[in-house]
Amino acid sequence: MKKQIKKEEKSNKFLSGALIGAALGIAAGIFAASKTGKDMRKDIKDKMIDFYQTIAPKLKEMRKVGEKEYKIFIDKALADYNKDHKFNREDLKRLAKEAHASWKHLKKNL
């Protein structure tokens, strides 16, 4: 009986150690990824600023259109913008997502 209890205690200690190790590994991964995430968000933000400066004159005309037309305009503008800047597919998707998400803010402020 005592041997079984000792085996269970060892098993519990091993499981606890494994869970703590996994938690530390996950935390380390999050901290490592957060720096990359910050850099990535800053990079996308910089690209968005440049993109909006490029399309700003045309945005004033967008106050008369709906969200669907705005998204079509953004997709075409990004395709043209990409010809000069040669973004990778992921960056282009992120730019499109950010631009599409800004519709309500732009509509309110145009």
PDB file of N, CA and C in Angstrom:
ATOM      1  N   MET A   1       0.810  -1.183   0.000  1.00  0.00           N
ATOM      2  CA  MET A   1       0.000   0.000   0.000  1.00  0.00           C
ATOM      3  C   MET A   1       0.865   1.264   0.000  1.00  0.00           C
ATOM      4  N   LYS A   2       1.926   1.250   0.844  1.00  0.00           N
ATOM      5  CA  LYS A   2       2.809   2.414   0.909  1.00  0.00           C
ATOM      6  C   LYS A   2       3.529   2.630  -0.417  1.00  0.00           C
ATOM      7  N   LYS A   3       3.873   1.543  -1.105  1.00  0.00           N
ATOM      8  CA  LYS A   3       4.546   1.665  -2.396  1.00  0.00           C
ATOM      9  C   LYS A   3       3.633   2.340  -3.413  1.00  0.00           C
ATOM     10  N   GLN A   4       2.352   1.999  -3.367  1.00  0.00           N
ATOM     11  CA  GLN A   4       1.399   2.590  -4.311  1.00  0.00           C
ATOM     12  C   GLN A   4       1.252   4.085  -4.040  1.00  0.00           C
ATOM     13  N   ILE A   5       1.210   4.478  -2.777  1.00  0.00           N
ATOM     14  CA  ILE A   5       1.098   5.892  -2.420  1.00  0.00           C
ATOM     15  C   ILE A   5       2.345   6.637  -2.879  1.00  0.00           C
ATOM     16  N   LYS A   6       3.533   6.051  -2.686  1.00  0.00           N
ATOM     17  CA  LYS A   6       4.772   6.691  -3.127  1.00  0.00           C
ATOM     18  C   LYS A   6       4.799   6.841  -4.643  1.00  0.00           C
ATOM     19  N   LYS A   7       4.318   5.828  -5.361  1.00  0.00           N
ATOM     20  CA  LYS A   7       4.266   5.918  -6.826  1.00  0.00           C
ATOM     21  C   LYS A   7       3.325   7.037  -7.254  1.00  0.00           C
ATOM     22  N   GLU A   8       2.185   7.162  -6.572  1.00  0.00           N
ATOM     23  CA  GLU A   8       1.232   8.224  -6.897  1.00  0.00           C
ATOM     24  C   GLU A   8       1.835   9.589  -6.601  1.00  0.00           C
ATOM     25  N   GLU A   9       2.562   9.704  -5.480  1.00  0.00           N
ATOM     26  CA  GLU A   9       3.214  10.964  -5.136  1.00  0.00           C
ATOM     27  C   GLU A   9       4.265  11.327  -6.185  1.00  0.00           C
ATOM     28  N   LYS A  10       5.060  10.343  -6.594  1.00  0.00           N
ATOM     29  CA  LYS A  10       6.068  10.591  -7.633  1.00  0.00           C
ATOM     30  C   LYS A  10       5.396  10.985  -8.936  1.00  0.00           C
ATOM     31  N   SER A  11       4.316  10.307  -9.251  1.00  0.00           N
ATOM     32  CA  SER A  11       3.585  10.605 -10.478  1.00  0.00           C
ATOM     33  C   SER A  11       3.019  12.020 -10.428  1.00  0.00           C
ATOM     34  N   ASN A  12       2.463  12.401  -9.273  1.00  0.00           N
ATOM     35  CA  ASN A  12       1.923  13.750  -9.110  1.00  0.00           C
ATOM     36  C   ASN A  12       3.023  14.803  -9.200  1.00  0.00           C
ATOM     37  N   LYS A  13       4.184  14.521  -8.597  1.00  0.00           N
ATOM     38  CA  LYS A  13       5.304  15.462  -8.671  1.00  0.00           C
ATOM     39  C   LYS A  13       5.787  15.614 -10.110  1.00  0.00           C
ATOM     40  N   PHE A  14       5.863  14.485 -10.819  1.00  0.00           N
ATOM     41  CA  PHE A  14       6.286  14.534 -12.216  1.00  0.00           C
ATOM     42  C   PHE A  14       5.294  15.343 -13.046  1.00  0.00           C
ATOM     43  N   LEU A  15       3.995  15.085 -12.829  1.00  0.00           N
ATOM     44  CA  LEU A  15       2.958  15.804 -13.562  1.00  0.00           C
ATOM     45  C   LEU A  15       3.011  17.289 -13.241  1.00  0.00           C
ATOM     46  N   SER A  16       3.187  17.625 -11.962  1.00  0.00           N
ATOM     47  CA  SER A  16       3.301  19.034 -11.562  1.00  0.00           C
ATOM     48  C   SER A  16       4.498  19.691 -12.235  1.00  0.00           C
ATOM     49  N   GLY A  17       5.626  18.993 -12.233  1.00  0.00           N
ATOM     50  CA  GLY A  17       6.824  19.526 -12.881  1.00  0.00           C
ATOM     51  C   GLY A  17       6.625  19.715 -14.370  1.00  0.00           C
ATOM     52  N   ALA A  18       5.959  18.753 -15.000  1.00  0.00           N
ATOM     53  CA  ALA A  18       5.704  18.856 -16.437  1.00  0.00           C
ATOM     54  C   ALA A  18       4.784  20.032 -16.740  1.00  0.00           C
ATOM     55  N   LEU A  19       3.746  20.218 -15.907  1.00  0.00           N
ATOM     56  CA  LEU A  19       2.823  21.341 -16.111  1.00  0.00           C
ATOM     57  C   LEU A  19       3.513  22.681 -15.897  1.00  0.00           C
ATOM     58  N   ILE A  20       4.350  22.760 -14.870  1.00  0.00           N
ATOM     59  CA  ILE A  20       5.099  23.997 -14.625  1.00  0.00           C
ATOM     60  C   ILE A  20       6.044  24.274 -15.792  1.00  0.00           C
ATOM     61  N   GLY A  21       6.727  23.247 -16.268  1.00  0.00           N
ATOM     62  CA  GLY A  21       7.619  23.414 -17.420  1.00  0.00           C
ATOM     63  C   GLY A  21       6.868  23.872 -18.654  1.00  0.00           C
ATOM     64  N   ALA A  22       5.691  23.292 -18.880  1.00  0.00           N
ATOM     65  CA  ALA A  22       4.884  23.689 -20.035  1.00  0.00           C
ATOM     66  C   ALA A  22       4.430  25.136 -19.901  1.00  0.00           C
ATOM     67  N   ALA A  23       4.007  25.520 -18.685  1.00  0.00           N
ATOM     68  CA  ALA A  23       3.570  26.898 -18.455  1.00  0.00           C
ATOM     69  C   ALA A  23       4.714  27.878 -18.690  1.00  0.00           C
ATOM     70  N   LEU A  24       5.901  27.538 -18.195  1.00  0.00           N
ATOM     71  CA  LEU A  24       7.063  28.405 -18.416  1.00  0.00           C
ATOM     72  C   LEU A  24       7.418  28.494 -19.898  1.00  0.00           C
ATOM     73  N   GLY A  25       7.311  27.380 -20.598  1.00  0.00           N
ATOM     74  CA  GLY A  25       7.577  27.378 -22.036  1.00  0.00           C
ATOM     75  C   GLY A  25       6.600  28.253 -22.795  1.00  0.00           C
ATOM     76  N   ILE A  26       5.334  28.159 -22.423  1.00  0.00           N
ATOM     77  CA  ILE A  26       4.315  28.993 -23.071  1.00  0.00           C
ATOM     78  C   ILE A  26       4.576  30.463 -22.777  1.00  0.00           C
ATOM     79  N   ALA A  27       4.879  30.786 -21.518  1.00  0.00           N
ATOM     80  CA  ALA A  27       5.159  32.174 -21.148  1.00  0.00           C
ATOM     81  C   ALA A  27       6.363  32.712 -21.914  1.00  0.00           C
ATOM     82  N   ALA A  28       7.411  31.904 -22.022  1.00  0.00           N
ATOM     83  CA  ALA A  28       8.598  32.333 -22.775  1.00  0.00           C
ATOM     84  C   ALA A  28       8.243  32.567 -24.239  1.00  0.00           C
ATOM     85  N   GLY A  29       7.422  31.709 -24.785  1.00  0.00           N
ATOM     86  CA  GLY A  29       6.992  31.876 -26.175  1.00  0.00           C
ATOM     87  C   GLY A  29       6.192  33.143 -26.371  1.00  0.00           C
ATOM     88  N   ILE A  30       5.323  33.445 -25.411  1.00  0.00           N
ATOM     89  CA  ILE A  30       4.519  34.667 -25.509  1.00  0.00           C
ATOM     90  C   ILE A  30       5.410  35.895 -25.437  1.00  0.00           C
ATOM     91  N   PHE A  31       6.359  35.897 -24.488  1.00  0.00           N
ATOM     92  CA  PHE A  31       7.249  37.053 -24.384  1.00  0.00           C
ATOM     93  C   PHE A  31       8.118  37.209 -25.624  1.00  0.00           C
ATOM     94  N   ALA A  32       8.580  36.122 -26.175  1.00  0.00           N
ATOM     95  CA  ALA A  32       9.398  36.192 -27.389  1.00  0.00           C
ATOM     96  C   ALA A  32       8.559  36.668 -28.562  1.00  0.00           C
ATOM     97  N   ALA A  33       7.345  36.196 -28.654  1.00  0.00           N
ATOM     98  CA  ALA A  33       6.471  36.572 -29.768  1.00  0.00           C
ATOM     99  C   ALA A  33       5.979  38.002 -29.635  1.00  0.00           C
ATOM    100  N   SER A  34       5.831  38.499 -28.398  1.00  0.00           N
ATOM    101  CA  SER A  34       5.287  39.840 -28.232  1.00  0.00           C
ATOM    102  C   SER A  34       6.216  40.897 -28.821  1.00  0.00           C
ATOM    103  N   LYS A  35       7.517  40.713 -28.715  1.00  0.00           N
ATOM    104  CA  LYS A  35       8.443  41.667 -29.331  1.00  0.00           C
ATOM    105  C   LYS A  35       8.278  41.634 -30.838  1.00  0.00           C
ATOM    106  N   THR A  36       8.209  40.449 -31.390  1.00  0.00           N
ATOM    107  CA  THR A  36       7.989  40.318 -32.820  1.00  0.00           C
ATOM    108  C   THR A  36       6.644  40.920 -33.185  1.00  0.00           C
ATOM    109  N   GLY A  37       5.650  40.678 -32.354  1.00  0.00           N
ATOM    110  CA  GLY A  37       4.321  41.236 -32.596  1.00  0.00           C
ATOM    111  C   GLY A  37       4.345  42.753 -32.579  1.00  0.00           C
ATOM    112  N   LYS A  38       5.079  43.328 -31.622  1.00  0.00           N
ATOM    113  CA  LYS A  38       5.193  44.786 -31.560  1.00  0.00           C
ATOM    114  C   LYS A  38       5.852  45.322 -32.823  1.00  0.00           C
ATOM    115  N   ASP A  39       6.934  44.686 -33.223  1.00  0.00           N
ATOM    116  CA  ASP A  39       7.627  45.120 -34.436  1.00  0.00           C
ATOM    117  C   ASP A  39       6.709  45.010 -35.648  1.00  0.00           C
ATOM    118  N   MET A  40       5.957  43.906 -35.704  1.00  0.00           N
ATOM    119  CA  MET A  40       5.071  43.690 -36.837  1.00  0.00           C
ATOM    120  C   MET A  40       3.963  44.748 -36.858  1.00  0.00           C
ATOM    121  N   ARG A  41       3.387  45.052 -35.675  1.00  0.00           N
ATOM    122  CA  ARG A  41       2.331  46.067 -35.623  1.00  0.00           C
ATOM    123  C   ARG A  41       2.872  47.436 -36.017  1.00  0.00           C
ATOM    124  N   LYS A  42       4.094  47.760 -35.579  1.00  0.00           N
ATOM    125  CA  LYS A  42       4.681  49.050 -35.949  1.00  0.00           C
ATOM    126  C   LYS A  42       4.914  49.113 -37.452  1.00  0.00           C
ATOM    127  N   ASP A  43       5.403  48.017 -38.014  1.00  0.00           N
ATOM    128  CA  ASP A  43       5.648  47.957 -39.451  1.00  0.00           C
ATOM    129  C   ASP A  43       4.349  48.154 -40.231  1.00  0.00           C
ATOM    130  N   ILE A  44       3.293  47.468 -39.814  1.00  0.00           N
ATOM    131  CA  ILE A  44       1.999  47.611 -40.484  1.00  0.00           C
ATOM    132  C   ILE A  44       1.479  49.031 -40.311  1.00  0.00           C
ATOM    133  N   LYS A  45       1.640  49.599 -39.113  1.00  0.00           N
ATOM    134  CA  LYS A  45       1.186  50.970 -38.865  1.00  0.00           C
ATOM    135  C   LYS A  45       1.904  51.941 -39.797  1.00  0.00           C
ATOM    136  N   ASP A  46       3.216  51.793 -39.936  1.00  0.00           N
ATOM    137  CA  ASP A  46       3.982  52.668 -40.830  1.00  0.00           C
ATOM    138  C   ASP A  46       3.514  52.527 -42.276  1.00  0.00           C
ATOM    139  N   LYS A  47       3.256  51.295 -42.687  1.00  0.00           N
ATOM    140  CA  LYS A  47       2.782  51.068 -44.054  1.00  0.00           C
ATOM    141  C   LYS A  47       1.391  51.660 -44.257  1.00  0.00           C
ATOM    142  N   MET A  48       0.535  51.554 -43.230  1.00  0.00           N
ATOM    143  CA  MET A  48      -0.810  52.122 -43.333  1.00  0.00           C
ATOM    144  C   MET A  48      -0.742  53.640 -43.472  1.00  0.00           C
ATOM    145  N   ILE A  49       0.127  54.269 -42.698  1.00  0.00           N
ATOM    146  CA  ILE A  49       0.267  55.724 -42.777  1.00  0.00           C
ATOM    147  C   ILE A  49       0.683  56.132 -44.183  1.00  0.00           C
ATOM    148  N   ASP A  50       1.674  55.459 -44.726  1.00  0.00           N
ATOM    149  CA  ASP A  50       2.133  55.768 -46.080  1.00  0.00           C
ATOM    150  C   ASP A  50       1.027  55.518 -47.103  1.00  0.00           C
ATOM    151  N   PHE A  51       0.317  54.407 -46.948  1.00  0.00           N
ATOM    152  CA  PHE A  51      -0.770  54.080 -47.871  1.00  0.00           C
ATOM    153  C   PHE A  51      -1.865  55.143 -47.812  1.00  0.00           C
ATOM    154  N   TYR A  52      -2.270  55.552 -46.603  1.00  0.00           N
ATOM    155  CA  TYR A  52      -3.320  56.566 -46.478  1.00  0.00           C
ATOM    156  C   TYR A  52      -2.873  57.918 -47.025  1.00  0.00           C
ATOM    157  N   GLN A  53      -1.603  58.247 -46.879  1.00  0.00           N
ATOM    158  CA  GLN A  53      -1.116  59.493 -47.469  1.00  0.00           C
ATOM    159  C   GLN A  53      -1.229  59.442 -48.987  1.00  0.00           C
ATOM    160  N   THR A  54      -1.011  58.271 -49.545  1.00  0.00           N
ATOM    161  CA  THR A  54      -1.108  58.100 -50.993  1.00  0.00           C
ATOM    162  C   THR A  54      -2.542  58.245 -51.489  1.00  0.00           C
ATOM    163  N   ILE A  55      -3.500  57.703 -50.725  1.00  0.00           N
ATOM    164  CA  ILE A  55      -4.887  57.720 -51.200  1.00  0.00           C
ATOM    165  C   ILE A  55      -5.726  58.847 -50.604  1.00  0.00           C
ATOM    166  N   ALA A  56      -5.138  59.690 -49.760  1.00  0.00           N
ATOM    167  CA  ALA A  56      -5.877  60.749 -49.070  1.00  0.00           C
ATOM    168  C   ALA A  56      -6.707  61.629 -50.002  1.00  0.00           C
ATOM    169  N   PRO A  57      -6.169  62.088 -51.137  1.00  0.00           N
ATOM    170  CA  PRO A  57      -6.995  62.930 -52.009  1.00  0.00           C
ATOM    171  C   PRO A  57      -8.273  62.219 -52.488  1.00  0.00           C
ATOM    172  N   LYS A  58      -8.191  60.937 -52.702  1.00  0.00           N
ATOM    173  CA  LYS A  58      -9.353  60.186 -53.176  1.00  0.00           C
ATOM    174  C   LYS A  58     -10.328  59.863 -52.044  1.00  0.00           C
ATOM    175  N   LEU A  59      -9.839  59.830 -50.812  1.00  0.00           N
ATOM    176  CA  LEU A  59     -10.704  59.494 -49.681  1.00  0.00           C
ATOM    177  C   LEU A  59     -11.812  60.519 -49.475  1.00  0.00           C
ATOM    178  N   LYS A  60     -11.549  61.768 -49.806  1.00  0.00           N
ATOM    179  CA  LYS A  60     -12.578  62.795 -49.645  1.00  0.00           C
ATOM    180  C   LYS A  60     -13.803  62.489 -50.495  1.00  0.00           C
ATOM    181  N   GLU A  61     -13.584  61.852 -51.632  1.00  0.00           N
ATOM    182  CA  GLU A  61     -14.701  61.470 -52.492  1.00  0.00           C
ATOM    183  C   GLU A  61     -15.487  60.304 -51.893  1.00  0.00           C
ATOM    184  N   MET A  62     -14.899  59.576 -50.972  1.00  0.00           N
ATOM    185  CA  MET A  62     -15.514  58.371 -50.421  1.00  0.00           C
ATOM    186  C   MET A  62     -16.655  58.670 -49.454  1.00  0.00           C
ATOM    187  N   ARG A  63     -16.806  59.912 -49.022  1.00  0.00           N
ATOM    188  CA  ARG A  63     -17.872  60.210 -48.058  1.00  0.00           C
ATOM    189  C   ARG A  63     -19.256  59.971 -48.645  1.00  0.00           C
ATOM    190  N   LYS A  64     -19.353  59.914 -49.960  1.00  0.00           N
ATOM    191  CA  LYS A  64     -20.653  59.731 -50.610  1.00  0.00           C
ATOM    192  C   LYS A  64     -20.960  58.276 -50.942  1.00  0.00           C
ATOM    193  N   VAL A  65     -20.059  57.374 -50.650  1.00  0.00           N
ATOM    194  CA  VAL A  65     -20.275  55.969 -51.008  1.00  0.00           C
ATOM    195  C   VAL A  65     -20.495  55.120 -49.759  1.00  0.00           C
ATOM    196  N   GLY A  66     -20.934  53.911 -49.969  1.00  0.00           N
ATOM    197  CA  GLY A  66     -21.169  52.988 -48.863  1.00  0.00           C
ATOM    198  C   GLY A  66     -19.944  52.151 -48.548  1.00  0.00           C
ATOM    199  N   GLU A  67     -20.103  51.300 -47.560  1.00  0.00           N
ATOM    200  CA  GLU A  67     -18.991  50.464 -47.101  1.00  0.00           C
ATOM    201  C   GLU A  67     -18.517  49.503 -48.183  1.00  0.00           C
ATOM    202  N   LYS A  68     -19.435  48.938 -48.931  1.00  0.00           N
ATOM    203  CA  LYS A  68     -19.063  47.984 -49.982  1.00  0.00           C
ATOM    204  C   LYS A  68     -18.188  48.659 -51.039  1.00  0.00           C
ATOM    205  N   GLU A  69     -18.598  49.844 -51.477  1.00  0.00           N
ATOM    206  CA  GLU A  69     -17.816  50.577 -52.477  1.00  0.00           C
ATOM    207  C   GLU A  69     -16.456  50.989 -51.916  1.00  0.00           C
ATOM    208  N   TYR A  70     -16.443  51.363 -50.631  1.00  0.00           N
ATOM    209  CA  TYR A  70     -15.184  51.727 -49.980  1.00  0.00           C
ATOM    210  C   TYR A  70     -14.209  50.550 -50.004  1.00  0.00           C
ATOM    211  N   LYS A  71     -14.696  49.360 -49.663  1.00  0.00           N
ATOM    212  CA  LYS A  71     -13.825  48.182 -49.634  1.00  0.00           C
ATOM    213  C   LYS A  71     -13.311  47.841 -51.034  1.00  0.00           C
ATOM    214  N   ILE A  72     -14.148  48.003 -52.037  1.00  0.00           N
ATOM    215  CA  ILE A  72     -13.707  47.779 -53.422  1.00  0.00           C
ATOM    216  C   ILE A  72     -12.623  48.793 -53.784  1.00  0.00           C
ATOM    217  N   PHE A  73     -12.847  50.046 -53.412  1.00  0.00           N
ATOM    218  CA  PHE A  73     -11.864  51.096 -53.665  1.00  0.00           C
ATOM    219  C   PHE A  73     -10.535  50.768 -52.985  1.00  0.00           C
ATOM    220  N   ILE A  74     -10.600  50.342 -51.717  1.00  0.00           N
ATOM    221  CA  ILE A  74      -9.382  50.013 -50.964  1.00  0.00           C
ATOM    222  C   ILE A  74      -8.634  48.870 -51.637  1.00  0.00           C
ATOM    223  N   ASP A  75      -9.356  47.838 -52.047  1.00  0.00           N
ATOM    224  CA  ASP A  75      -8.706  46.695 -52.701  1.00  0.00           C
ATOM    225  C   ASP A  75      -7.990  47.117 -53.984  1.00  0.00           C
ATOM    226  N   LYS A  76      -8.636  47.965 -54.779  1.00  0.00           N
ATOM    227  CA  LYS A  76      -8.004  48.451 -56.019  1.00  0.00           C
ATOM    228  C   LYS A  76      -6.815  49.360 -55.702  1.00  0.00           C
ATOM    229  N   ALA A  77      -6.989  50.231 -54.719  1.00  0.00           N
ATOM    230  CA  ALA A  77      -5.906  51.142 -54.345  1.00  0.00           C
ATOM    231  C   ALA A  77      -4.704  50.365 -53.805  1.00  0.00           C
ATOM    232  N   LEU A  78      -4.964  49.325 -53.023  1.00  0.00           N
ATOM    233  CA  LEU A  78      -3.858  48.505 -52.516  1.00  0.00           C
ATOM    234  C   LEU A  78      -3.144  47.771 -53.642  1.00  0.00           C
ATOM    235  N   ALA A  79      -3.897  47.305 -54.620  1.00  0.00           N
ATOM    236  CA  ALA A  79      -3.272  46.622 -55.761  1.00  0.00           C
ATOM    237  C   ALA A  79      -2.349  47.585 -56.502  1.00  0.00           C
ATOM    238  N   ASP A  80      -2.810  48.817 -56.715  1.00  0.00           N
ATOM    239  CA  ASP A  80      -1.971  49.826 -57.379  1.00  0.00           C
ATOM    240  C   ASP A  80      -0.765  50.195 -56.513  1.00  0.00           C
ATOM    241  N   TYR A  81      -1.006  50.380 -55.228  1.00  0.00           N
ATOM    242  CA  TYR A  81       0.050  50.741 -54.287  1.00  0.00           C
ATOM    243  C   TYR A  81       1.114  49.644 -54.222  1.00  0.00           C
ATOM    244  N   ASN A  82       0.674  48.413 -54.289  1.00  0.00           N
ATOM    245  CA  ASN A  82       1.583  47.276 -54.205  1.00  0.00           C
ATOM    246  C   ASN A  82       2.498  47.181 -55.426  1.00  0.00           C
ATOM    247  N   LYS A  83       2.076  47.701 -56.556  1.00  0.00           N
ATOM    248  CA  LYS A  83       2.925  47.670 -57.757  1.00  0.00           C
ATOM    249  C   LYS A  83       4.243  48.397 -57.503  1.00  0.00           C
ATOM    250  N   ASP A  84       4.181  49.478 -56.737  1.00  0.00           N
ATOM    251  CA  ASP A  84       5.385  50.252 -56.437  1.00  0.00           C
ATOM    252  C   ASP A  84       6.146  49.739 -55.216  1.00  0.00           C
ATOM    253  N   HIS A  85       5.434  49.140 -54.263  1.00  0.00           N
ATOM    254  CA  HIS A  85       6.056  48.778 -52.984  1.00  0.00           C
ATOM    255  C   HIS A  85       6.367  47.297 -52.817  1.00  0.00           C
ATOM    256  N   LYS A  86       5.812  46.457 -53.634  1.00  0.00           N
ATOM    257  CA  LYS A  86       6.122  45.015 -53.650  1.00  0.00           C
ATOM    258  C   LYS A  86       6.043  44.357 -52.262  1.00  0.00           C
ATOM    259  N   PHE A  87       4.866  44.401 -51.650  1.00  0.00           N
ATOM    260  CA  PHE A  87       4.664  43.755 -50.357  1.00  0.00           C
ATOM    261  C   PHE A  87       4.488  42.259 -50.528  1.00  0.00           C
ATOM    262  N   ASN A  88       4.801  41.521 -49.470  1.00  0.00           N
ATOM    263  CA  ASN A  88       4.499  40.097 -49.513  1.00  0.00           C
ATOM    264  C   ASN A  88       3.000  39.914 -49.248  1.00  0.00           C
ATOM    265  N   ARG A  89       2.505  38.734 -49.504  1.00  0.00           N
ATOM    266  CA  ARG A  89       1.064  38.464 -49.419  1.00  0.00           C
ATOM    267  C   ARG A  89       0.512  38.725 -48.015  1.00  0.00           C
ATOM    268  N   GLU A  90       1.271  38.351 -46.980  1.00  0.00           N
ATOM    269  CA  GLU A  90       0.803  38.543 -45.600  1.00  0.00           C
ATOM    270  C   GLU A  90       0.662  40.024 -45.267  1.00  0.00           C
ATOM    271  N   ASP A  91       1.655  40.824 -45.638  1.00  0.00           N
ATOM    272  CA  ASP A  91       1.578  42.260 -45.371  1.00  0.00           C
ATOM    273  C   ASP A  91       0.412  42.885 -46.120  1.00  0.00           C
ATOM    274  N   LEU A  92       0.202  42.461 -47.337  1.00  0.00           N
ATOM    275  CA  LEU A  92      -0.905  42.990 -48.126  1.00  0.00           C
ATOM    276  C   LEU A  92      -2.244  42.641 -47.479  1.00  0.00           C
ATOM    277  N   LYS A  93      -2.373  41.426 -46.969  1.00  0.00           N
ATOM    278  CA  LYS A  93      -3.607  41.027 -46.274  1.00  0.00           C
ATOM    279  C   LYS A  93      -3.818  41.866 -45.020  1.00  0.00           C
ATOM    280  N   ARG A  94      -2.731  42.100 -44.279  1.00  0.00           N
ATOM    281  CA  ARG A  94      -2.845  42.905 -43.058  1.00  0.00           C
ATOM    282  C   ARG A  94      -3.241  44.343 -43.385  1.00  0.00           C
ATOM    283  N   LEU A  95      -2.620  44.899 -44.415  1.00  0.00           N
ATOM    284  CA  LEU A  95      -2.977  46.257 -44.824  1.00  0.00           C
ATOM    285  C   LEU A  95      -4.445  46.331 -45.225  1.00  0.00           C
ATOM    286  N   ALA A  96      -4.906  45.366 -45.997  1.00  0.00           N
ATOM    287  CA  ALA A  96      -6.307  45.348 -46.426  1.00  0.00           C
ATOM    288  C   ALA A  96      -7.231  45.219 -45.222  1.00  0.00           C
ATOM    289  N   LYS A  97      -6.885  44.352 -44.302  1.00  0.00           N
ATOM    290  CA  LYS A  97      -7.715  44.153 -43.106  1.00  0.00           C
ATOM    291  C   LYS A  97      -7.810  45.444 -42.295  1.00  0.00           C
ATOM    292  N   GLU A  98      -6.673  46.105 -42.088  1.00  0.00           N
ATOM    293  CA  GLU A  98      -6.661  47.365 -41.338  1.00  0.00           C
ATOM    294  C   GLU A  98      -7.455  48.448 -42.071  1.00  0.00           C
ATOM    295  N   ALA A  99      -7.273  48.534 -43.370  1.00  0.00           N
ATOM    296  CA  ALA A  99      -7.979  49.554 -44.146  1.00  0.00           C
ATOM    297  C   ALA A  99      -9.480  49.293 -44.152  1.00  0.00           C
ATOM    298  N   HIS A 100      -9.882  48.049 -44.312  1.00  0.00           N
ATOM    299  CA  HIS A 100     -11.311  47.715 -44.292  1.00  0.00           C
ATOM    300  C   HIS A 100     -11.922  48.015 -42.925  1.00  0.00           C
ATOM    301  N   ALA A 101     -11.174  47.738 -41.877  1.00  0.00           N
ATOM    302  CA  ALA A 101     -11.669  47.957 -40.515  1.00  0.00           C
ATOM    303  C   ALA A 101     -11.824  49.436 -40.185  1.00  0.00           C
ATOM    304  N   SER A 102     -11.162  50.300 -40.904  1.00  0.00           N
ATOM    305  CA  SER A 102     -11.216  51.732 -40.598  1.00  0.00           C
ATOM    306  C   SER A 102     -12.400  52.436 -41.255  1.00  0.00           C
ATOM    307  N   TRP A 103     -13.256  51.700 -41.933  1.00  0.00           N
ATOM    308  CA  TRP A 103     -14.387  52.308 -42.645  1.00  0.00           C
ATOM    309  C   TRP A 103     -15.245  53.183 -41.731  1.00  0.00           C
ATOM    310  N   LYS A 104     -15.688  52.669 -40.597  1.00  0.00           N
ATOM    311  CA  LYS A 104     -16.588  53.424 -39.715  1.00  0.00           C
ATOM    312  C   LYS A 104     -15.930  54.704 -39.221  1.00  0.00           C
ATOM    313  N   HIS A 105     -14.662  54.616 -38.872  1.00  0.00           N
ATOM    314  CA  HIS A 105     -13.940  55.802 -38.408  1.00  0.00           C
ATOM    315  C   HIS A 105     -13.834  56.842 -39.525  1.00  0.00           C
ATOM    316  N   LEU A 106     -13.484  56.398 -40.712  1.00  0.00           N
ATOM    317  CA  LEU A 106     -13.355  57.333 -41.834  1.00  0.00           C
ATOM    318  C   LEU A 106     -14.696  57.950 -42.201  1.00  0.00           C
ATOM    319  N   LYS A 107     -15.735  57.145 -42.251  1.00  0.00           N
ATOM    320  CA  LYS A 107     -17.062  57.648 -42.612  1.00  0.00           C
ATOM    321  C   LYS A 107     -17.512  58.715 -41.618  1.00  0.00           C
ATOM    322  N   LYS A 108     -17.224  58.481 -40.358  1.00  0.00           N
ATOM    323  CA  LYS A 108     -17.612  59.411 -39.300  1.00  0.00           C
ATOM    324  C   LYS A 108     -16.842  60.730 -39.407  1.00  0.00           C
ATOM    325  N   ASN A 109     -15.591  60.665 -39.843  1.00  0.00           N
ATOM    326  CA  ASN A 109     -14.729  61.848 -39.841  1.00  0.00           C
ATOM    327  C   ASN A 109     -14.538  62.513 -41.198  1.00  0.00           C
ATOM    328  N   LEU A 110     -15.127  61.973 -42.234  1.00  0.00           N
ATOM    329  CA  LEU A 110     -14.976  62.610 -43.556  1.00  0.00           C
ATOM    330  C   LEU A 110     -16.014  63.679 -43.760  1.00  0.00           C
TER     331      LEU A 110
END
